[in-house]
Amino acid sequence: MFICNCNGVREKEIQKVIHNGVKTWEQILAHFDYEPCCGRCEDDINCMIEDHSLVSNSVSLEKIAAP
């Protein structure tokens, strides 16, 4: 599914970039050599970043708590 329709960036592509540590929607688009256009993808990308952060923190806490 396309997340950024203006630049044709797909959800799976964005997830890979987020997994590699990119933290803002502007940096994600810049990774693909794009600049933000209309801004409609900002909320979706920010939600993806937040979801990844929550999952990463949860996994880290589980590793710490494991006996």
N, C-alpha and C. Protein backbone atom coordinates (compact mmCIF):
# COMPACT_ATOMS: atom_id res chain seq x y z
N MET A 1 0.84 -1.17 0.00
CA MET A 1 0.00 0.00 0.00
C MET A 1 0.90 1.24 0.00
N PHE A 2 0.49 2.23 -0.78
CA PHE A 2 1.22 3.49 -0.79
C PHE A 2 0.88 4.30 0.45
N ILE A 3 1.91 4.80 1.11
CA ILE A 3 1.73 5.71 2.24
C ILE A 3 1.90 7.14 1.75
N CYS A 4 2.91 7.38 0.95
CA CYS A 4 3.13 8.70 0.35
C CYS A 4 2.76 8.62 -1.13
N ASN A 5 1.56 9.08 -1.42
CA ASN A 5 1.08 9.02 -2.80
C ASN A 5 1.82 9.98 -3.72
N CYS A 6 2.22 11.13 -3.21
CA CYS A 6 2.91 12.12 -4.04
C CYS A 6 4.22 11.57 -4.60
N ASN A 7 4.93 10.81 -3.77
CA ASN A 7 6.24 10.31 -4.16
C ASN A 7 6.26 8.81 -4.44
N GLY A 8 5.13 8.15 -4.24
CA GLY A 8 5.05 6.72 -4.54
C GLY A 8 5.86 5.85 -3.60
N VAL A 9 5.84 6.17 -2.30
CA VAL A 9 6.58 5.38 -1.33
C VAL A 9 5.62 4.44 -0.61
N ARG A 10 5.98 3.17 -0.58
CA ARG A 10 5.11 2.14 -0.02
C ARG A 10 5.40 1.88 1.46
N GLU A 11 4.40 1.31 2.11
CA GLU A 11 4.48 1.00 3.53
C GLU A 11 5.69 0.13 3.87
N LYS A 12 5.91 -0.93 3.10
CA LYS A 12 7.02 -1.84 3.38
C LYS A 12 8.38 -1.14 3.25
N GLU A 13 8.50 -0.22 2.30
CA GLU A 13 9.74 0.53 2.14
C GLU A 13 9.98 1.42 3.36
N ILE A 14 8.93 2.06 3.83
CA ILE A 14 9.03 2.93 5.00
C ILE A 14 9.38 2.11 6.23
N GLN A 15 8.77 0.95 6.39
CA GLN A 15 9.06 0.10 7.55
C GLN A 15 10.52 -0.29 7.60
N LYS A 16 11.11 -0.59 6.45
CA LYS A 16 12.53 -0.96 6.41
C LYS A 16 13.40 0.20 6.87
N VAL A 17 13.08 1.39 6.42
CA VAL A 17 13.86 2.57 6.78
C VAL A 17 13.72 2.86 8.28
N ILE A 18 12.50 2.74 8.80
CA ILE A 18 12.27 2.95 10.23
C ILE A 18 13.06 1.91 11.03
N HIS A 19 13.04 0.68 10.59
CA HIS A 19 13.78 -0.40 11.27
C HIS A 19 15.28 -0.09 11.31
N ASN A 20 15.77 0.63 10.30
CA ASN A 20 17.19 0.98 10.25
C ASN A 20 17.52 2.23 11.06
N GLY A 21 16.52 2.80 11.76
CA GLY A 21 16.81 3.87 12.70
C GLY A 21 16.42 5.27 12.31
N VAL A 22 15.82 5.46 11.15
CA VAL A 22 15.40 6.80 10.77
C VAL A 22 14.22 7.21 11.63
N LYS A 23 14.23 8.45 12.15
CA LYS A 23 13.29 8.83 13.20
C LYS A 23 12.24 9.86 12.82
N THR A 24 12.32 10.51 11.67
CA THR A 24 11.32 11.53 11.31
C THR A 24 10.81 11.28 9.91
N TRP A 25 9.60 11.79 9.64
CA TRP A 25 9.02 11.57 8.31
C TRP A 25 9.81 12.31 7.23
N GLU A 26 10.40 13.46 7.57
CA GLU A 26 11.21 14.19 6.59
C GLU A 26 12.46 13.38 6.22
N GLN A 27 13.08 12.76 7.24
CA GLN A 27 14.27 11.95 7.00
C GLN A 27 13.93 10.71 6.18
N ILE A 28 12.75 10.16 6.42
CA ILE A 28 12.34 8.98 5.66
C ILE A 28 12.18 9.34 4.19
N LEU A 29 11.49 10.43 3.90
CA LEU A 29 11.34 10.84 2.51
C LEU A 29 12.68 11.21 1.90
N ALA A 30 13.55 11.86 2.68
CA ALA A 30 14.88 12.22 2.19
C ALA A 30 15.70 10.97 1.85
N HIS A 31 15.48 9.89 2.60
CA HIS A 31 16.17 8.63 2.33
C HIS A 31 15.91 8.18 0.89
N PHE A 32 14.73 8.45 0.39
CA PHE A 32 14.36 8.08 -0.97
C PHE A 32 14.60 9.23 -1.96
N ASP A 33 15.31 10.27 -1.51
CA ASP A 33 15.60 11.47 -2.32
C ASP A 33 14.34 12.23 -2.69
N TYR A 34 13.37 12.28 -1.76
CA TYR A 34 12.15 13.05 -1.94
C TYR A 34 12.05 14.11 -0.86
N GLU A 35 11.26 15.12 -1.14
CA GLU A 35 10.92 16.14 -0.16
C GLU A 35 9.42 16.04 0.09
N PRO A 36 8.97 16.42 1.30
CA PRO A 36 7.54 16.41 1.55
C PRO A 36 6.81 17.33 0.56
N CYS A 37 5.66 16.87 0.09
CA CYS A 37 4.86 17.68 -0.86
C CYS A 37 3.63 18.22 -0.15
N CYS A 38 2.59 17.41 -0.09
CA CYS A 38 1.32 17.87 0.47
C CYS A 38 1.23 17.67 1.98
N GLY A 39 2.03 16.75 2.54
CA GLY A 39 2.03 16.50 3.98
C GLY A 39 0.99 15.51 4.46
N ARG A 40 0.20 14.95 3.56
CA ARG A 40 -0.84 14.00 3.98
C ARG A 40 -0.27 12.72 4.56
N CYS A 41 0.94 12.37 4.21
CA CYS A 41 1.55 11.14 4.73
C CYS A 41 2.19 11.33 6.10
N GLU A 42 2.33 12.56 6.54
CA GLU A 42 3.04 12.83 7.80
C GLU A 42 2.46 12.06 8.97
N ASP A 43 1.17 12.12 9.16
CA ASP A 43 0.54 11.42 10.29
C ASP A 43 0.72 9.91 10.20
N ASP A 44 0.54 9.36 9.00
CA ASP A 44 0.69 7.91 8.83
C ASP A 44 2.12 7.46 9.13
N ILE A 45 3.09 8.21 8.63
CA ILE A 45 4.49 7.85 8.85
C ILE A 45 4.84 8.02 10.33
N ASN A 46 4.37 9.10 10.94
CA ASN A 46 4.64 9.31 12.37
C ASN A 46 4.03 8.19 13.21
N CYS A 47 2.86 7.71 12.85
CA CYS A 47 2.25 6.58 13.55
C CYS A 47 3.09 5.31 13.38
N MET A 48 3.63 5.11 12.18
CA MET A 48 4.48 3.94 11.94
C MET A 48 5.75 4.02 12.79
N ILE A 49 6.32 5.23 12.89
CA ILE A 49 7.52 5.43 13.71
C ILE A 49 7.19 5.14 15.18
N GLU A 50 6.07 5.67 15.65
CA GLU A 50 5.67 5.46 17.04
C GLU A 50 5.40 3.99 17.32
N ASP A 51 4.69 3.31 16.42
CA ASP A 51 4.42 1.88 16.59
C ASP A 51 5.72 1.09 16.68
N HIS A 52 6.67 1.40 15.82
CA HIS A 52 7.96 0.70 15.83
C HIS A 52 8.68 0.96 17.15
N SER A 53 8.62 2.18 17.63
CA SER A 53 9.26 2.54 18.89
C SER A 53 8.64 1.77 20.05
N LEU A 54 7.31 1.68 20.07
CA LEU A 54 6.63 0.95 21.14
C LEU A 54 6.98 -0.53 21.13
N VAL A 55 7.02 -1.13 19.95
CA VAL A 55 7.37 -2.54 19.82
C VAL A 55 8.82 -2.76 20.23
N SER A 56 9.71 -1.88 19.80
CA SER A 56 11.13 -2.02 20.14
C SER A 56 11.34 -1.90 21.64
N ASN A 57 10.68 -0.94 22.27
CA ASN A 57 10.81 -0.77 23.71
C ASN A 57 10.24 -1.96 24.46
N SER A 58 9.16 -2.51 23.98
CA SER A 58 8.54 -3.67 24.61
C SER A 58 9.48 -4.87 24.54
N VAL A 59 10.09 -5.09 23.40
CA VAL A 59 11.02 -6.21 23.24
C VAL A 59 12.23 -6.01 24.13
N SER A 60 12.74 -4.78 24.23
CA SER A 60 13.89 -4.51 25.09
C SER A 60 13.55 -4.79 26.55
N LEU A 61 12.36 -4.38 26.98
CA LEU A 61 11.96 -4.62 28.36
C LEU A 61 11.80 -6.10 28.64
N GLU A 62 11.30 -6.86 27.67
CA GLU A 62 11.16 -8.30 27.85
C GLU A 62 12.53 -8.96 28.01
N LYS A 63 13.51 -8.50 27.27
CA LYS A 63 14.85 -9.07 27.38
C LYS A 63 15.45 -8.77 28.75
N ILE A 64 15.20 -7.57 29.26
CA ILE A 64 15.73 -7.18 30.57
C ILE A 64 15.05 -8.01 31.66
N ALA A 65 13.75 -8.23 31.54
CA ALA A 65 12.99 -8.92 32.58
C ALA A 65 13.17 -10.44 32.55
N ALA A 66 13.68 -10.97 31.46
CA ALA A 66 13.82 -12.42 31.34
C ALA A 66 14.87 -12.94 32.33
N PRO A 67 14.57 -14.07 32.99
CA PRO A 67 15.52 -14.63 33.98
C PRO A 67 16.73 -15.24 33.33
